[in-house]
Protein backbone atom coordinates (compact mmCIF):
# COMPACT_ATOMS: atom_id res chain seq x y z
CA MET A 1 122.95 135.69 65.71
CA ARG A 2 121.46 135.38 62.35
CA LYS A 3 119.91 138.72 62.90
CA GLU A 4 122.99 140.56 63.52
CA SER A 5 124.74 138.76 60.23
CA ARG A 6 121.39 139.76 58.04
CA PHE A 7 121.79 143.34 59.70
CA GLU A 8 125.68 143.36 58.53
CA SER A 9 124.70 142.23 55.36
CA LYS A 10 122.53 144.46 54.53
CA LEU A 11 124.77 147.72 55.51
CA LEU A 12 127.75 145.97 53.36
CA TYR A 13 124.97 146.05 50.77
CA PHE A 14 123.82 149.64 51.39
CA ILE A 15 127.71 150.50 51.69
CA ILE A 16 128.45 149.03 48.14
CA VAL A 17 125.66 151.29 46.50
CA LEU A 18 126.85 154.28 47.90
CA LEU A 19 130.46 153.68 46.41
CA MET A 20 128.90 152.51 43.19
CA LEU A 21 127.07 155.35 42.98
CA LYS A 22 130.12 157.42 43.50
CA LEU A 23 131.47 155.60 40.95
CA LEU A 24 129.23 156.21 38.52
CA TYR A 25 130.02 159.72 38.84
CA VAL A 26 133.40 159.70 38.94
CA ILE A 27 133.26 157.81 35.35
CA PHE A 28 130.76 160.52 34.32
CA ASP A 29 132.62 163.58 35.66
CA THR A 30 135.82 162.09 33.84
CA ILE A 31 133.62 161.65 30.41
CA LEU A 32 133.16 165.03 30.64
CA ASN A 33 136.03 166.37 31.31
CA GLY A 34 138.48 163.73 30.17
CA ASP A 35 140.72 163.98 33.16
CA ILE A 36 141.80 160.29 33.27
CA GLY A 37 144.10 160.34 35.65
CA SER A 38 141.63 162.34 38.34
CA PHE A 39 139.88 158.78 37.22
CA PHE A 40 142.06 156.48 38.74
CA LEU A 41 142.84 158.20 41.71
CA ALA A 42 139.23 158.28 42.38
CA LEU A 43 138.95 154.80 41.41
CA PHE A 44 141.56 153.98 43.90
CA ILE A 45 140.20 155.46 46.48
CA ILE A 46 137.17 154.26 46.25
CA VAL A 47 138.20 150.46 46.45
CA ILE A 48 140.57 151.42 49.78
CA LEU A 49 137.23 152.98 51.44
CA PHE A 50 135.23 149.47 50.35
CA LEU A 51 137.56 147.65 51.46
CA GLY A 52 138.53 149.72 55.23
CA VAL A 53 134.39 150.07 55.47
CA GLY A 54 133.98 146.45 54.87
CA LEU A 55 136.85 145.13 57.65
CA PHE A 56 135.78 147.93 60.23
CA ILE A 57 131.94 146.42 60.06
CA GLY A 58 133.14 142.98 59.88
CA SER A 59 135.01 143.65 63.43
CA MET A 60 132.50 145.58 64.98
CA PHE A 61 129.60 142.74 64.67
CA LYS A 62 132.64 140.16 65.79
CA SER A 63 133.50 141.99 69.11
CA SER A 64 129.47 142.51 69.82
CA GLN A 65 129.33 138.83 69.25
CA GLU A 66 131.63 138.18 71.67
CA TYR A 67 130.95 140.54 74.23
CA SER A 68 127.63 138.79 74.07
CA GLY A 69 128.62 134.71 74.52
CA GLY A 70 128.63 133.83 71.03
CA GLY A 71 125.24 134.41 69.79
CA GLY A 72 122.44 134.93 71.95
CA SER A 73 123.86 133.50 75.33
CA THR A 74 123.69 135.25 78.58
CA THR A 75 126.33 138.33 78.92
CA VAL A 76 126.74 136.85 82.11
CA GLY A 77 130.11 134.61 81.79
CA ASP A 78 129.48 130.35 82.17
CA THR A 79 131.33 129.90 85.61
CA GLN A 80 129.58 133.04 87.26
CA PHE A 81 126.11 131.78 85.80
CA GLN A 82 126.47 128.60 87.20
CA GLN A 83 127.58 129.89 90.30
CA LEU A 84 124.20 132.03 90.64
CA MET A 85 122.28 128.81 89.93
CA ASN A 86 124.34 127.15 92.89
CA ARG A 87 123.50 130.07 95.00
CA TYR A 88 119.85 130.24 94.18
CA GLU A 89 120.14 125.94 94.91
CA LYS A 90 121.36 126.78 97.75
CA LEU A 91 118.90 129.16 99.21
CA CYS A 92 116.18 126.40 98.46
CA ASP A 93 117.37 123.86 100.38
CA ASP A 94 117.67 126.60 103.31
CA PHE A 95 114.43 127.11 102.79
CA ILE A 96 113.16 123.53 102.66
CA GLU A 97 115.21 122.92 105.91
CA LYS A 98 113.39 125.54 107.62
CA LYS A 99 109.82 123.96 105.94
CA GLN A 100 109.41 127.00 103.98
CA PHE A 101 108.31 124.92 101.26
CA LYS A 102 106.68 127.72 99.28
CA LYS A 103 109.38 129.95 99.03
CA ALA A 104 111.69 127.20 97.89
CA ALA A 105 108.88 125.93 94.96
CA TYR A 106 108.75 129.97 93.89
CA ILE A 107 112.86 130.06 93.46
CA GLN A 108 112.80 126.59 91.82
CA LEU A 109 109.64 128.06 89.55
CA LYS A 110 111.25 131.41 88.66
CA LEU A 111 114.73 131.71 89.48
CA LEU A 112 115.87 128.66 88.42
CA ARG A 113 112.81 127.64 86.18
CA ASN A 114 112.27 124.17 86.90
CA PRO A 115 108.50 123.17 87.92
CA TYR A 116 108.68 119.74 88.44
CA ARG A 117 111.51 120.36 91.14
CA ALA A 118 108.90 123.33 92.56
CA ALA A 119 105.80 120.74 92.12
CA TYR A 120 107.40 118.24 94.45
CA ILE A 121 108.77 120.29 97.09
CA LEU A 122 105.63 121.45 97.23
CA ASP A 123 104.12 117.79 97.38
CA GLU A 124 106.93 117.05 99.61
CA GLY A 125 105.49 119.47 102.23
CA ASN A 126 102.21 118.83 102.00
CA LEU A 127 100.98 121.17 100.09
CA HIS A 128 98.91 119.33 97.62
CA ASN A 129 96.64 121.52 95.54
CA ASP A 130 99.75 123.85 95.41
CA ALA A 131 101.68 120.97 93.79
CA ALA A 132 98.84 119.55 91.60
CA LEU A 133 98.06 123.26 89.96
CA ILE A 134 101.88 123.51 88.84
CA TYR A 135 102.28 120.24 87.56
CA LEU A 136 98.33 120.61 85.53
CA LYS A 137 99.48 124.33 84.49
CA LYS A 138 103.44 124.33 83.95
CA CYS A 139 104.05 120.88 83.60
CA ASN A 140 100.76 119.12 81.43
CA ASP A 141 101.53 116.17 83.94
CA LYS A 142 97.96 115.49 84.66
CA GLN A 143 99.18 112.30 86.21
CA ASN A 144 100.54 113.90 89.35
CA ALA A 145 98.13 116.62 89.41
CA ALA A 146 95.24 114.16 89.91
CA GLU A 147 97.53 111.98 92.54
CA CYS A 148 98.66 115.47 94.09
CA TYR A 149 94.84 116.35 94.46
CA GLU A 150 93.82 112.77 95.51
CA LYS A 151 96.33 113.55 98.60
CA ALA A 152 94.56 116.70 99.30
CA ARG A 153 91.19 114.91 99.39
CA SER A 154 90.05 117.29 96.34
CA TYR A 155 88.42 114.12 95.21
CA LYS A 156 86.01 115.52 92.47
CA LYS A 157 89.23 117.51 90.67
CA ALA A 158 91.29 114.11 91.05
CA ILE A 159 88.59 111.89 89.10
CA LYS A 160 88.12 114.41 86.51
CA LEU A 161 91.27 113.67 85.60
CA PHE A 162 92.00 110.21 86.22
CA LYS A 163 89.07 109.46 83.89
CA GLU A 164 90.49 111.96 81.00
CA LEU A 165 93.55 109.63 81.76
CA GLU A 166 91.17 106.61 81.48
CA GLU A 167 92.75 105.05 84.87
CA HIS A 168 89.78 103.23 85.96
CA GLU A 169 90.75 101.33 88.79
CA SER A 170 92.25 104.82 90.56
CA VAL A 171 88.51 106.43 89.53
CA GLY A 172 86.69 103.59 91.31
CA ASP A 173 89.69 103.51 94.58
CA ILE A 174 88.53 107.25 94.89
CA TYR A 175 84.25 106.32 94.70
CA THR A 176 85.18 103.61 97.38
CA LYS A 177 87.00 105.90 100.12
CA ILE A 178 83.99 108.67 99.78
CA LYS A 179 81.88 105.42 99.99
CA ASP A 180 80.18 105.67 96.54
CA THR A 181 79.40 101.63 96.11
CA LYS A 182 77.79 101.78 92.61
CA ASN A 183 80.41 104.26 90.70
CA ALA A 184 83.11 102.33 92.41
CA HIS A 185 81.93 99.38 90.56
CA HIS A 186 81.13 100.62 87.60
CA HIS A 187 84.70 101.76 87.23
CA TYR A 188 86.24 98.20 88.77
CA ARG A 189 84.33 96.43 86.23
CA ILE A 190 85.75 98.23 83.15
CA VAL A 191 88.99 97.53 84.48
CA ALA A 192 87.80 93.97 84.80
CA ASP A 193 86.69 92.96 81.09
CA ASP A 194 89.61 94.99 80.11
CA TYR A 195 91.67 92.05 81.73
CA THR A 196 89.30 89.42 80.52
CA LYS A 197 89.26 90.67 76.77
CA ASN A 198 93.05 89.89 76.93
CA ASP A 199 93.08 86.49 78.71
CA GLN A 200 94.16 87.62 82.15
CA TYR A 201 91.99 86.00 84.20
CA VAL A 202 93.33 86.25 87.53
CA LYS A 203 93.99 90.53 87.34
CA ALA A 204 90.34 90.32 86.58
CA ALA A 205 89.51 88.02 89.47
CA LEU A 206 91.82 89.69 92.18
CA LEU A 207 90.12 93.49 91.06
CA TYR A 208 86.56 91.38 91.88
CA ARG A 209 87.60 89.43 95.28
CA LYS A 210 89.65 92.31 96.81
CA LYS A 211 87.98 95.34 95.41
CA MET A 212 84.52 94.40 95.44
CA ASP A 213 83.70 91.52 97.87
CA ASP A 214 82.36 89.51 95.09
CA LYS A 215 84.30 86.03 95.33
CA ASP A 216 81.67 84.49 93.38
CA SER A 217 82.41 86.36 90.03
CA ALA A 218 85.78 85.92 90.80
CA SER A 219 85.55 82.48 91.16
CA LYS A 220 83.80 82.16 87.80
CA LEU A 221 86.14 84.22 85.60
CA LEU A 222 88.85 81.53 87.20
CA VAL A 223 86.87 78.52 86.27
CA LYS A 224 86.80 80.30 83.15
CA GLY A 225 90.78 80.83 82.68
CA TRP A 226 91.17 77.07 83.48
CA ARG A 227 88.91 76.13 81.33
CA GLU A 228 90.19 77.91 78.17
CA ASN A 229 93.93 76.86 79.63
CA LYS A 230 94.76 80.27 80.33
CA ASP A 231 97.33 80.42 82.88
CA ALA A 232 95.57 77.53 83.86
CA ILE A 233 97.49 76.59 86.84
CA ASN A 234 97.28 80.17 88.46
CA CYS A 235 93.90 80.69 87.62
CA LEU A 236 92.99 77.00 89.83
CA ASN A 237 95.43 77.80 92.38
CA ASN A 238 93.93 81.17 93.14
CA HIS A 239 90.46 79.44 92.71
CA LEU A 240 91.03 77.66 95.65
CA VAL A 241 91.75 80.26 97.81
CA HIS A 242 88.61 81.43 98.61
CA PHE A 243 87.95 77.97 100.34
CA ASP A 244 89.76 78.61 103.73
CA SER A 245 88.82 75.58 105.47
CA ARG A 246 90.20 71.98 105.13
CA LYS A 247 86.25 70.87 104.45
CA ALA A 248 85.45 73.18 102.26
CA LEU A 249 88.88 72.82 100.47
CA GLU A 250 88.57 68.77 100.43
CA LYS A 251 85.06 69.36 99.05
CA GLU A 252 85.76 71.52 96.51
CA ILE A 253 88.76 69.54 95.34
CA ASP A 254 87.09 66.44 94.57
CA THR A 255 84.77 68.45 92.76
CA PHE A 256 86.85 69.95 90.50
CA TYR A 257 88.93 66.76 90.07
CA LYS A 258 85.69 64.89 89.04
CA ASN A 259 84.33 67.46 87.13
CA GLU A 260 87.36 69.72 85.09
CA VAL A 261 90.02 67.42 84.34
CA HIS A 262 90.75 65.45 81.74
CA LEU A 263 93.62 63.86 79.35
CA GLY A 264 94.30 67.70 78.36
CA ASN A 265 94.97 69.35 81.93
CA ASN A 266 95.92 65.83 83.94
CA LEU A 267 99.66 67.62 84.59
CA ASN A 268 98.54 71.21 85.19
CA PHE A 269 96.03 69.36 87.79
CA LEU A 270 98.88 67.67 89.65
CA LYS A 271 100.61 70.73 89.71
CA VAL A 272 97.77 72.60 91.63
CA LEU A 273 97.85 69.71 93.68
CA LYS A 274 101.51 70.07 94.51
CA THR A 275 100.74 74.38 96.13
CA GLU A 276 97.64 72.97 97.57
CA PHE A 277 99.45 70.01 99.56
CA LYS A 278 101.33 72.68 101.10
CA LYS A 279 99.06 74.63 102.96
CA ASP A 280 98.62 74.26 106.53
CA ILE A 281 94.57 73.45 106.20
CA ALA A 282 95.49 71.05 103.16
CA PRO A 283 93.30 67.56 103.15
CA LYS A 284 96.64 65.73 102.47
CA GLN A 285 95.44 62.45 102.37
CA ASN A 286 92.55 63.20 100.01
CA ILE A 287 95.30 65.04 97.50
CA GLN A 288 97.51 62.04 98.20
CA ASN A 289 94.83 59.68 96.90
CA ILE A 290 94.23 61.79 93.99
CA ALA A 291 97.71 62.22 92.82
CA TYR A 292 98.12 58.09 93.40
CA GLU A 293 95.30 57.96 90.85
CA LEU A 294 96.74 60.33 88.31
CA VAL A 295 100.07 58.93 88.35
CA SER A 296 98.47 55.33 88.20
CA ARG A 297 96.59 56.40 85.08
CA HIS A 298 99.46 57.86 83.06
CA ASN A 299 102.69 55.98 84.58
CA GLN A 300 103.73 55.65 81.09
CA ASN A 301 104.17 59.81 81.44
CA SER A 302 107.45 60.31 82.84
CA GLU A 303 106.31 64.51 83.38
CA ILE A 304 102.99 63.33 85.45
CA LEU A 305 105.24 60.37 87.19
CA ALA A 306 108.24 62.92 88.08
CA ASN A 307 105.51 64.73 90.30
CA LEU A 308 105.01 61.63 92.66
CA HIS A 309 107.61 62.56 94.95
CA TYR A 310 106.09 66.14 96.17
CA PHE A 311 103.05 64.24 97.78
CA VAL A 312 105.22 61.03 99.87
CA GLN A 313 108.31 63.25 100.75
CA GLU A 314 109.12 60.69 103.58
CA ASP A 315 109.61 57.44 101.31
CA SER A 316 113.22 58.51 100.26
CA GLN A 317 113.05 55.30 97.52
CA ILE A 318 110.15 57.25 95.58
CA VAL A 319 113.00 59.37 93.77
CA SER A 320 115.16 56.25 92.77
CA ASP A 321 111.89 54.10 92.08
CA VAL A 322 110.99 57.29 89.57
CA ILE A 323 114.06 57.39 88.11
CA ARG A 324 115.01 53.88 87.30
CA HIS A 325 111.59 53.79 85.31
CA ARG A 326 112.55 56.74 83.53
CA ILE A 327 116.16 55.53 82.39
CA LYS A 328 114.16 51.89 81.64
CA LYS A 329 111.59 53.92 79.42
């Protein structure tokens, strides 16, 4: 539309110049011949021509724009265009139903100009390499491309893209699949180090325990989180998960109580014991004894006292006693 407007303006300027030249010619001719009547007649004709030509050019370009859909849009009307798109979609759906995924993807890519949909269709049709290529080349989507390459077992291509995206856990997962433990653990440690720097000790520990089968490193991180009071309760509960027998759990709780519990974290430890007390392998008598000892030491702390009933649920009187104590206080 802008190009047509510029062209229209240039054409009008050109005609104006021609008419001005004609007007100058008439003026000089009048001066030379002294025919004033002919001058005014010629001037009137020139003005009429100018107005007529201007109106004609304007109407011509207006008609052209209306025919073309108003400035650069398709010459097919909106309704017809939408009908055409609907036909393409229907044809695409028919190909999908017949499991002709490449033909369906071609319609989306070439006719409907929807590369994401084309790649999705190919991916759903288990044509993962083809899908990855469209995601990468047409959508500039490395994430989906990498995931498709992984599904296609094109592991080198997937690793390359995941490295570019700095998704080290995904890189580690692929190396694990191809049994390259050394490289897998290298990338897992990068992720774990990032978690640790952000005081996310539980996430870092889970990575060590579940993906590197390294319970010792996981426990060290969780104990560090407990000591630094960084999500301390979750850290200790996850640390105690490593002890899967009643005897081992009882020993660890005793050791932890003696060495790692102090005035500043008594309440946190009591909350940890609440969770451990519910386990099937819980050394219930041992946990009750520690809970009673903590409460007796801090019987003036109403928040600690309020946790006592979790460990003596068979005693219905204990809740009433705690409430009376808090009210009396």
